[in-house]
Amino acid sequence: MKILKIDHLGIAVDSIDQGKAFWTEVLGLPFEGSETVEAQKVTTAFFPVGESEVELLESTAPDGPVAKYIEKRGQGIQHIAFRVENVEEALAELKAKGVRLIDEVPRLGAGGAKIAFLHPKATNGVLVELCERSG
């Protein structure tokens, strides 16, 4: 498995509109746009930072993973995403190493990325996302 870079940091927020003010007005980061991913019950908003991004995550349903995260831990960093060359190969390698996976096969994420999550119990409490993007 080849990790290319940190793709993005996922930050759980109650409201993208409220969270956006800090990232754009205070830090001066450009707002790249938002997207709702119905399958994950989340709306995302991206703010580019160099070769990586900050991703704000707002739940679209009270039973969504981001809503559950905020209920348990409050707003804040929810995951770190690493860009990989091939997410299927990365998952196969990690599974062979005995790493506990949330996703055994990739799913479609924001921006058309193929994504998969590793279980936080396998990563010392950090939710890790693997992300493959074309282009």
N, C-alpha and C. Protein backbone atom coordinates (compact mmCIF):
# COMPACT_ATOMS: atom_id res chain seq x y z
N MET A 1 0.86 -1.18 0.00
CA MET A 1 0.00 0.00 0.00
C MET A 1 0.89 1.23 0.00
N LYS A 2 0.55 2.16 -0.86
CA LYS A 2 1.30 3.41 -0.91
C LYS A 2 0.38 4.56 -0.52
N ILE A 3 0.71 5.21 0.59
CA ILE A 3 -0.02 6.41 1.02
C ILE A 3 0.64 7.60 0.33
N LEU A 4 -0.16 8.36 -0.40
CA LEU A 4 0.37 9.48 -1.17
C LEU A 4 0.46 10.77 -0.36
N LYS A 5 -0.55 11.00 0.50
CA LYS A 5 -0.57 12.23 1.30
C LYS A 5 -1.77 12.19 2.23
N ILE A 6 -1.85 13.15 3.13
CA ILE A 6 -3.09 13.35 3.88
C ILE A 6 -4.05 14.02 2.91
N ASP A 7 -5.16 13.36 2.63
CA ASP A 7 -6.14 13.89 1.69
C ASP A 7 -6.96 14.99 2.36
N HIS A 8 -7.48 14.67 3.55
CA HIS A 8 -8.26 15.69 4.27
C HIS A 8 -8.42 15.30 5.74
N LEU A 9 -8.80 16.30 6.54
CA LEU A 9 -9.18 16.10 7.93
C LEU A 9 -10.68 16.33 8.00
N GLY A 10 -11.40 15.35 8.53
CA GLY A 10 -12.84 15.46 8.66
C GLY A 10 -13.23 16.02 10.02
N ILE A 11 -14.00 17.10 10.03
CA ILE A 11 -14.38 17.76 11.27
C ILE A 11 -15.91 17.74 11.39
N ALA A 12 -16.41 17.10 12.42
CA ALA A 12 -17.85 17.02 12.67
C ALA A 12 -18.33 18.34 13.25
N VAL A 13 -19.39 18.89 12.65
CA VAL A 13 -19.96 20.16 13.12
C VAL A 13 -21.48 20.04 13.20
N ASP A 14 -22.07 20.86 14.07
CA ASP A 14 -23.52 20.92 14.14
C ASP A 14 -24.09 21.59 12.89
N SER A 15 -23.36 22.59 12.37
CA SER A 15 -23.84 23.36 11.24
C SER A 15 -22.67 23.79 10.35
N ILE A 16 -22.73 23.41 9.09
CA ILE A 16 -21.69 23.84 8.15
C ILE A 16 -21.70 25.36 8.02
N ASP A 17 -22.88 25.96 7.96
CA ASP A 17 -22.95 27.42 7.83
C ASP A 17 -22.23 28.13 8.96
N GLN A 18 -22.43 27.65 10.19
CA GLN A 18 -21.73 28.26 11.33
C GLN A 18 -20.24 27.94 11.28
N GLY A 19 -19.88 26.70 10.98
CA GLY A 19 -18.48 26.30 10.93
C GLY A 19 -17.72 26.99 9.83
N LYS A 20 -18.39 27.22 8.70
CA LYS A 20 -17.75 27.83 7.53
C LYS A 20 -17.18 29.21 7.85
N ALA A 21 -17.86 29.97 8.69
CA ALA A 21 -17.41 31.32 9.01
C ALA A 21 -15.98 31.32 9.55
N PHE A 22 -15.65 30.40 10.45
CA PHE A 22 -14.30 30.36 11.00
C PHE A 22 -13.27 30.08 9.92
N TRP A 23 -13.53 29.05 9.11
CA TRP A 23 -12.54 28.61 8.13
C TRP A 23 -12.33 29.63 7.02
N THR A 24 -13.39 30.36 6.64
CA THR A 24 -13.25 31.33 5.56
C THR A 24 -12.92 32.73 6.07
N GLU A 25 -13.70 33.23 7.03
CA GLU A 25 -13.53 34.61 7.48
C GLU A 25 -12.34 34.79 8.41
N VAL A 26 -12.11 33.83 9.30
CA VAL A 26 -11.01 33.96 10.26
C VAL A 26 -9.70 33.48 9.66
N LEU A 27 -9.70 32.28 9.06
CA LEU A 27 -8.46 31.72 8.52
C LEU A 27 -8.22 32.07 7.06
N GLY A 28 -9.25 32.53 6.38
CA GLY A 28 -9.08 32.95 4.99
C GLY A 28 -8.99 31.82 3.98
N LEU A 29 -9.48 30.62 4.34
CA LEU A 29 -9.43 29.50 3.40
C LEU A 29 -10.58 29.62 2.40
N PRO A 30 -10.32 29.23 1.16
CA PRO A 30 -11.41 29.28 0.18
C PRO A 30 -12.42 28.16 0.43
N PHE A 31 -13.68 28.46 0.20
CA PHE A 31 -14.75 27.47 0.31
C PHE A 31 -14.93 26.84 -1.05
N GLU A 32 -14.72 25.53 -1.15
CA GLU A 32 -14.76 24.84 -2.44
C GLU A 32 -16.16 24.37 -2.81
N GLY A 33 -17.07 24.35 -1.85
CA GLY A 33 -18.43 23.91 -2.13
C GLY A 33 -18.86 22.82 -1.17
N SER A 34 -20.14 22.50 -1.23
CA SER A 34 -20.68 21.46 -0.36
C SER A 34 -21.38 20.41 -1.20
N GLU A 35 -21.58 19.25 -0.59
CA GLU A 35 -22.21 18.12 -1.27
C GLU A 35 -22.88 17.25 -0.22
N THR A 36 -24.08 16.78 -0.52
CA THR A 36 -24.75 15.84 0.37
C THR A 36 -24.54 14.43 -0.16
N VAL A 37 -24.11 13.55 0.73
CA VAL A 37 -23.92 12.14 0.41
C VAL A 37 -25.01 11.39 1.17
N GLU A 38 -26.13 11.15 0.50
CA GLU A 38 -27.31 10.55 1.14
C GLU A 38 -27.00 9.23 1.80
N ALA A 39 -26.20 8.38 1.15
CA ALA A 39 -25.91 7.05 1.69
C ALA A 39 -25.21 7.12 3.04
N GLN A 40 -24.48 8.22 3.30
CA GLN A 40 -23.77 8.37 4.57
C GLN A 40 -24.48 9.33 5.52
N LYS A 41 -25.64 9.85 5.10
CA LYS A 41 -26.43 10.77 5.92
C LYS A 41 -25.60 11.97 6.37
N VAL A 42 -24.92 12.60 5.38
CA VAL A 42 -24.01 13.69 5.71
C VAL A 42 -23.95 14.71 4.57
N THR A 43 -23.78 15.96 4.94
CA THR A 43 -23.42 17.01 4.00
C THR A 43 -21.99 17.40 4.30
N THR A 44 -21.18 17.53 3.27
CA THR A 44 -19.77 17.87 3.43
C THR A 44 -19.48 19.23 2.81
N ALA A 45 -18.47 19.89 3.33
CA ALA A 45 -17.99 21.15 2.77
C ALA A 45 -16.47 21.11 2.81
N PHE A 46 -15.84 21.47 1.70
CA PHE A 46 -14.38 21.37 1.61
C PHE A 46 -13.71 22.74 1.52
N PHE A 47 -12.55 22.83 2.21
CA PHE A 47 -11.74 24.03 2.25
C PHE A 47 -10.29 23.62 1.96
N PRO A 48 -9.79 23.86 0.73
CA PRO A 48 -8.43 23.47 0.38
C PRO A 48 -7.37 24.16 1.23
N VAL A 49 -6.35 23.38 1.59
CA VAL A 49 -5.18 23.87 2.31
C VAL A 49 -3.96 23.21 1.68
N GLY A 50 -3.26 23.92 0.82
CA GLY A 50 -2.13 23.31 0.12
C GLY A 50 -2.61 22.12 -0.69
N GLU A 51 -1.98 20.97 -0.48
CA GLU A 51 -2.36 19.76 -1.21
C GLU A 51 -3.43 18.95 -0.48
N SER A 52 -3.88 19.42 0.65
CA SER A 52 -4.89 18.71 1.43
C SER A 52 -6.12 19.60 1.59
N GLU A 53 -7.09 19.10 2.35
CA GLU A 53 -8.31 19.88 2.58
C GLU A 53 -8.81 19.67 4.00
N VAL A 54 -9.61 20.63 4.45
CA VAL A 54 -10.40 20.47 5.65
C VAL A 54 -11.80 20.16 5.16
N GLU A 55 -12.42 19.13 5.73
CA GLU A 55 -13.78 18.76 5.36
C GLU A 55 -14.68 18.91 6.58
N LEU A 56 -15.68 19.79 6.47
CA LEU A 56 -16.68 19.89 7.52
C LEU A 56 -17.78 18.88 7.22
N LEU A 57 -18.27 18.22 8.27
CA LEU A 57 -19.29 17.18 8.13
C LEU A 57 -20.49 17.53 8.99
N GLU A 58 -21.65 17.69 8.37
CA GLU A 58 -22.89 17.97 9.08
C GLU A 58 -23.86 16.82 8.81
N SER A 59 -24.38 16.23 9.86
CA SER A 59 -25.31 15.12 9.70
C SER A 59 -26.62 15.60 9.09
N THR A 60 -27.20 14.75 8.24
CA THR A 60 -28.51 15.06 7.65
C THR A 60 -29.61 14.28 8.36
N ALA A 61 -29.25 13.46 9.34
CA ALA A 61 -30.24 12.66 10.07
C ALA A 61 -29.75 12.42 11.50
N PRO A 62 -30.67 12.35 12.46
CA PRO A 62 -30.27 12.15 13.86
C PRO A 62 -29.58 10.81 14.11
N ASP A 63 -29.79 9.82 13.21
CA ASP A 63 -29.15 8.52 13.39
C ASP A 63 -27.92 8.35 12.51
N GLY A 64 -27.46 9.42 11.86
CA GLY A 64 -26.27 9.35 11.02
C GLY A 64 -25.00 9.22 11.85
N PRO A 65 -23.93 8.70 11.24
CA PRO A 65 -22.68 8.52 11.97
C PRO A 65 -22.09 9.81 12.55
N VAL A 66 -22.24 10.92 11.84
CA VAL A 66 -21.70 12.19 12.34
C VAL A 66 -22.54 12.67 13.52
N ALA A 67 -23.85 12.52 13.45
CA ALA A 67 -24.70 12.91 14.59
C ALA A 67 -24.36 12.07 15.82
N LYS A 68 -24.14 10.78 15.62
CA LYS A 68 -23.77 9.90 16.74
C LYS A 68 -22.42 10.30 17.31
N TYR A 69 -21.48 10.66 16.43
CA TYR A 69 -20.16 11.09 16.89
C TYR A 69 -20.28 12.34 17.76
N ILE A 70 -21.02 13.34 17.28
CA ILE A 70 -21.17 14.60 18.03
C ILE A 70 -21.87 14.34 19.36
N GLU A 71 -22.87 13.47 19.36
CA GLU A 71 -23.59 13.15 20.59
C GLU A 71 -22.65 12.55 21.63
N LYS A 72 -21.72 11.73 21.17
CA LYS A 72 -20.79 11.03 22.07
C LYS A 72 -19.59 11.89 22.47
N ARG A 73 -19.03 12.65 21.50
CA ARG A 73 -17.76 13.33 21.72
C ARG A 73 -17.79 14.84 21.52
N GLY A 74 -18.89 15.35 20.98
CA GLY A 74 -18.95 16.78 20.68
C GLY A 74 -18.35 17.07 19.32
N GLN A 75 -18.43 18.33 18.92
CA GLN A 75 -17.87 18.74 17.63
C GLN A 75 -16.34 18.64 17.68
N GLY A 76 -15.75 18.37 16.52
CA GLY A 76 -14.29 18.33 16.44
C GLY A 76 -13.82 17.34 15.39
N ILE A 77 -12.52 17.08 15.40
CA ILE A 77 -11.95 16.19 14.39
C ILE A 77 -12.56 14.80 14.54
N GLN A 78 -13.16 14.34 13.43
CA GLN A 78 -13.85 13.05 13.42
C GLN A 78 -13.01 11.98 12.74
N HIS A 79 -12.24 12.35 11.71
CA HIS A 79 -11.39 11.36 11.03
C HIS A 79 -10.24 12.04 10.29
N ILE A 80 -9.27 11.21 9.94
CA ILE A 80 -8.17 11.64 9.08
C ILE A 80 -8.21 10.73 7.85
N ALA A 81 -8.10 11.34 6.68
CA ALA A 81 -8.16 10.58 5.44
C ALA A 81 -6.81 10.61 4.73
N PHE A 82 -6.35 9.43 4.35
CA PHE A 82 -5.11 9.30 3.60
C PHE A 82 -5.44 8.96 2.15
N ARG A 83 -4.82 9.65 1.21
CA ARG A 83 -4.98 9.33 -0.21
C ARG A 83 -4.07 8.15 -0.51
N VAL A 84 -4.63 7.14 -1.15
CA VAL A 84 -3.88 5.96 -1.55
C VAL A 84 -3.99 5.78 -3.06
N GLU A 85 -3.03 5.05 -3.64
CA GLU A 85 -3.06 4.80 -5.08
C GLU A 85 -4.23 3.90 -5.46
N ASN A 86 -4.45 2.85 -4.66
CA ASN A 86 -5.47 1.87 -4.98
C ASN A 86 -6.13 1.42 -3.68
N VAL A 87 -7.37 1.83 -3.45
CA VAL A 87 -8.02 1.54 -2.18
C VAL A 87 -8.34 0.05 -2.03
N GLU A 88 -8.68 -0.64 -3.12
CA GLU A 88 -8.95 -2.07 -3.02
C GLU A 88 -7.70 -2.83 -2.57
N GLU A 89 -6.56 -2.51 -3.18
CA GLU A 89 -5.30 -3.16 -2.79
C GLU A 89 -4.94 -2.83 -1.35
N ALA A 90 -5.15 -1.58 -0.95
CA ALA A 90 -4.84 -1.18 0.43
C ALA A 90 -5.69 -1.97 1.42
N LEU A 91 -6.99 -2.12 1.12
CA LEU A 91 -7.87 -2.89 2.01
C LEU A 91 -7.45 -4.35 2.09
N ALA A 92 -7.09 -4.93 0.96
CA ALA A 92 -6.65 -6.34 0.95
C ALA A 92 -5.39 -6.51 1.78
N GLU A 93 -4.46 -5.58 1.65
CA GLU A 93 -3.21 -5.65 2.42
C GLU A 93 -3.48 -5.52 3.92
N LEU A 94 -4.32 -4.56 4.28
CA LEU A 94 -4.62 -4.35 5.69
C LEU A 94 -5.38 -5.54 6.28
N LYS A 95 -6.31 -6.08 5.52
CA LYS A 95 -7.06 -7.26 5.98
C LYS A 95 -6.11 -8.43 6.20
N ALA A 96 -5.16 -8.62 5.27
CA ALA A 96 -4.17 -9.70 5.41
C ALA A 96 -3.30 -9.51 6.65
N LYS A 97 -3.12 -8.26 7.06
CA LYS A 97 -2.33 -7.96 8.26
C LYS A 97 -3.17 -8.05 9.53
N GLY A 98 -4.45 -8.38 9.37
CA GLY A 98 -5.33 -8.53 10.53
C GLY A 98 -5.92 -7.24 11.06
N VAL A 99 -5.88 -6.17 10.26
CA VAL A 99 -6.43 -4.89 10.68
C VAL A 99 -7.95 -4.94 10.57
N ARG A 100 -8.63 -4.53 11.61
CA ARG A 100 -10.09 -4.51 11.62
C ARG A 100 -10.60 -3.37 10.73
N LEU A 101 -11.48 -3.71 9.81
CA LEU A 101 -12.00 -2.75 8.85
C LEU A 101 -13.48 -2.47 9.11
N ILE A 102 -13.90 -1.25 8.86
CA ILE A 102 -15.33 -0.95 8.84
C ILE A 102 -15.86 -1.32 7.46
N ASP A 103 -15.10 -0.97 6.42
CA ASP A 103 -15.48 -1.25 5.03
C ASP A 103 -14.52 -2.27 4.44
N GLU A 104 -15.04 -3.41 4.04
CA GLU A 104 -14.20 -4.41 3.38
C GLU A 104 -14.09 -4.15 1.89
N VAL A 105 -15.06 -3.38 1.36
CA VAL A 105 -15.02 -2.93 -0.03
C VAL A 105 -15.27 -1.43 -0.02
N PRO A 106 -14.67 -0.71 -0.95
CA PRO A 106 -14.84 0.75 -0.98
C PRO A 106 -16.28 1.14 -1.29
N ARG A 107 -16.63 2.34 -0.86
CA ARG A 107 -17.93 2.93 -1.19
C ARG A 107 -17.68 4.30 -1.81
N LEU A 108 -18.73 4.88 -2.35
CA LEU A 108 -18.60 6.18 -2.99
C LEU A 108 -18.72 7.28 -1.96
N GLY A 109 -17.76 8.19 -1.96
CA GLY A 109 -17.75 9.32 -1.04
C GLY A 109 -17.94 10.63 -1.78
N ALA A 110 -17.77 11.72 -1.07
CA ALA A 110 -17.92 13.06 -1.65
C ALA A 110 -16.91 13.24 -2.79
N GLY A 111 -17.32 13.99 -3.79
CA GLY A 111 -16.44 14.29 -4.91
C GLY A 111 -16.14 13.10 -5.79
N GLY A 112 -16.92 12.02 -5.65
CA GLY A 112 -16.71 10.83 -6.47
C GLY A 112 -15.55 9.96 -6.03
N ALA A 113 -15.00 10.22 -4.86
CA ALA A 113 -13.87 9.42 -4.37
C ALA A 113 -14.33 8.03 -3.95
N LYS A 114 -13.45 7.06 -4.10
CA LYS A 114 -13.68 5.73 -3.54
C LYS A 114 -13.07 5.77 -2.14
N ILE A 115 -13.88 5.44 -1.13
CA ILE A 115 -13.41 5.54 0.25
C ILE A 115 -13.68 4.26 1.02
N ALA A 116 -12.94 4.09 2.11
CA ALA A 116 -13.15 2.98 3.03
C ALA A 116 -12.57 3.40 4.38
N PHE A 117 -13.22 2.92 5.45
CA PHE A 117 -12.79 3.29 6.80
C PHE A 117 -12.20 2.10 7.53
N LEU A 118 -11.18 2.38 8.34
CA LEU A 118 -10.59 1.40 9.24
C LEU A 118 -11.24 1.60 10.60
N HIS A 119 -11.40 0.53 11.33
CA HIS A 119 -12.06 0.63 12.63
C HIS A 119 -11.14 1.31 13.64
N PRO A 120 -11.68 2.27 14.41
CA PRO A 120 -10.84 2.97 15.40
C PRO A 120 -10.20 2.05 16.44
N LYS A 121 -10.79 0.89 16.70
CA LYS A 121 -10.19 -0.04 17.65
C LYS A 121 -8.88 -0.62 17.12
N ALA A 122 -8.68 -0.53 15.80
CA ALA A 122 -7.43 -1.03 15.20
C ALA A 122 -6.38 0.06 15.06
N THR A 123 -6.76 1.31 15.36
CA THR A 123 -5.87 2.45 15.08
C THR A 123 -5.67 3.34 16.30
N ASN A 124 -5.75 2.75 17.48
CA ASN A 124 -5.59 3.50 18.72
C ASN A 124 -6.59 4.65 18.86
N GLY A 125 -7.83 4.39 18.43
CA GLY A 125 -8.90 5.35 18.65
C GLY A 125 -9.10 6.39 17.57
N VAL A 126 -8.36 6.32 16.48
CA VAL A 126 -8.49 7.29 15.40
C VAL A 126 -9.28 6.66 14.25
N LEU A 127 -10.34 7.33 13.82
CA LEU A 127 -11.07 6.86 12.64
C LEU A 127 -10.23 7.24 11.42
N VAL A 128 -9.78 6.24 10.68
CA VAL A 128 -8.92 6.46 9.50
C VAL A 128 -9.71 6.11 8.24
N GLU A 129 -9.67 7.03 7.30
CA GLU A 129 -10.31 6.82 5.99
C GLU A 129 -9.21 6.65 4.95
N LEU A 130 -9.40 5.72 4.05
CA LEU A 130 -8.56 5.60 2.87
C LEU A 130 -9.37 6.16 1.70
N CYS A 131 -8.72 6.92 0.86
CA CYS A 131 -9.41 7.67 -0.18
C CYS A 131 -8.63 7.54 -1.49
N GLU A 132 -9.33 7.15 -2.54
CA GLU A 132 -8.73 7.10 -3.87
C GLU A 132 -9.50 8.03 -4.78
N ARG A 133 -8.79 8.96 -5.40
CA ARG A 133 -9.42 9.92 -6.30
C ARG A 133 -8.77 9.79 -7.67
N SER A 134 -9.59 9.92 -8.69
CA SER A 134 -9.03 9.92 -10.05
C SER A 134 -8.62 11.35 -10.37
N GLY A 135 -7.46 11.49 -10.95
CA GLY A 135 -6.99 12.81 -11.34
C GLY A 135 -6.30 13.59 -10.32
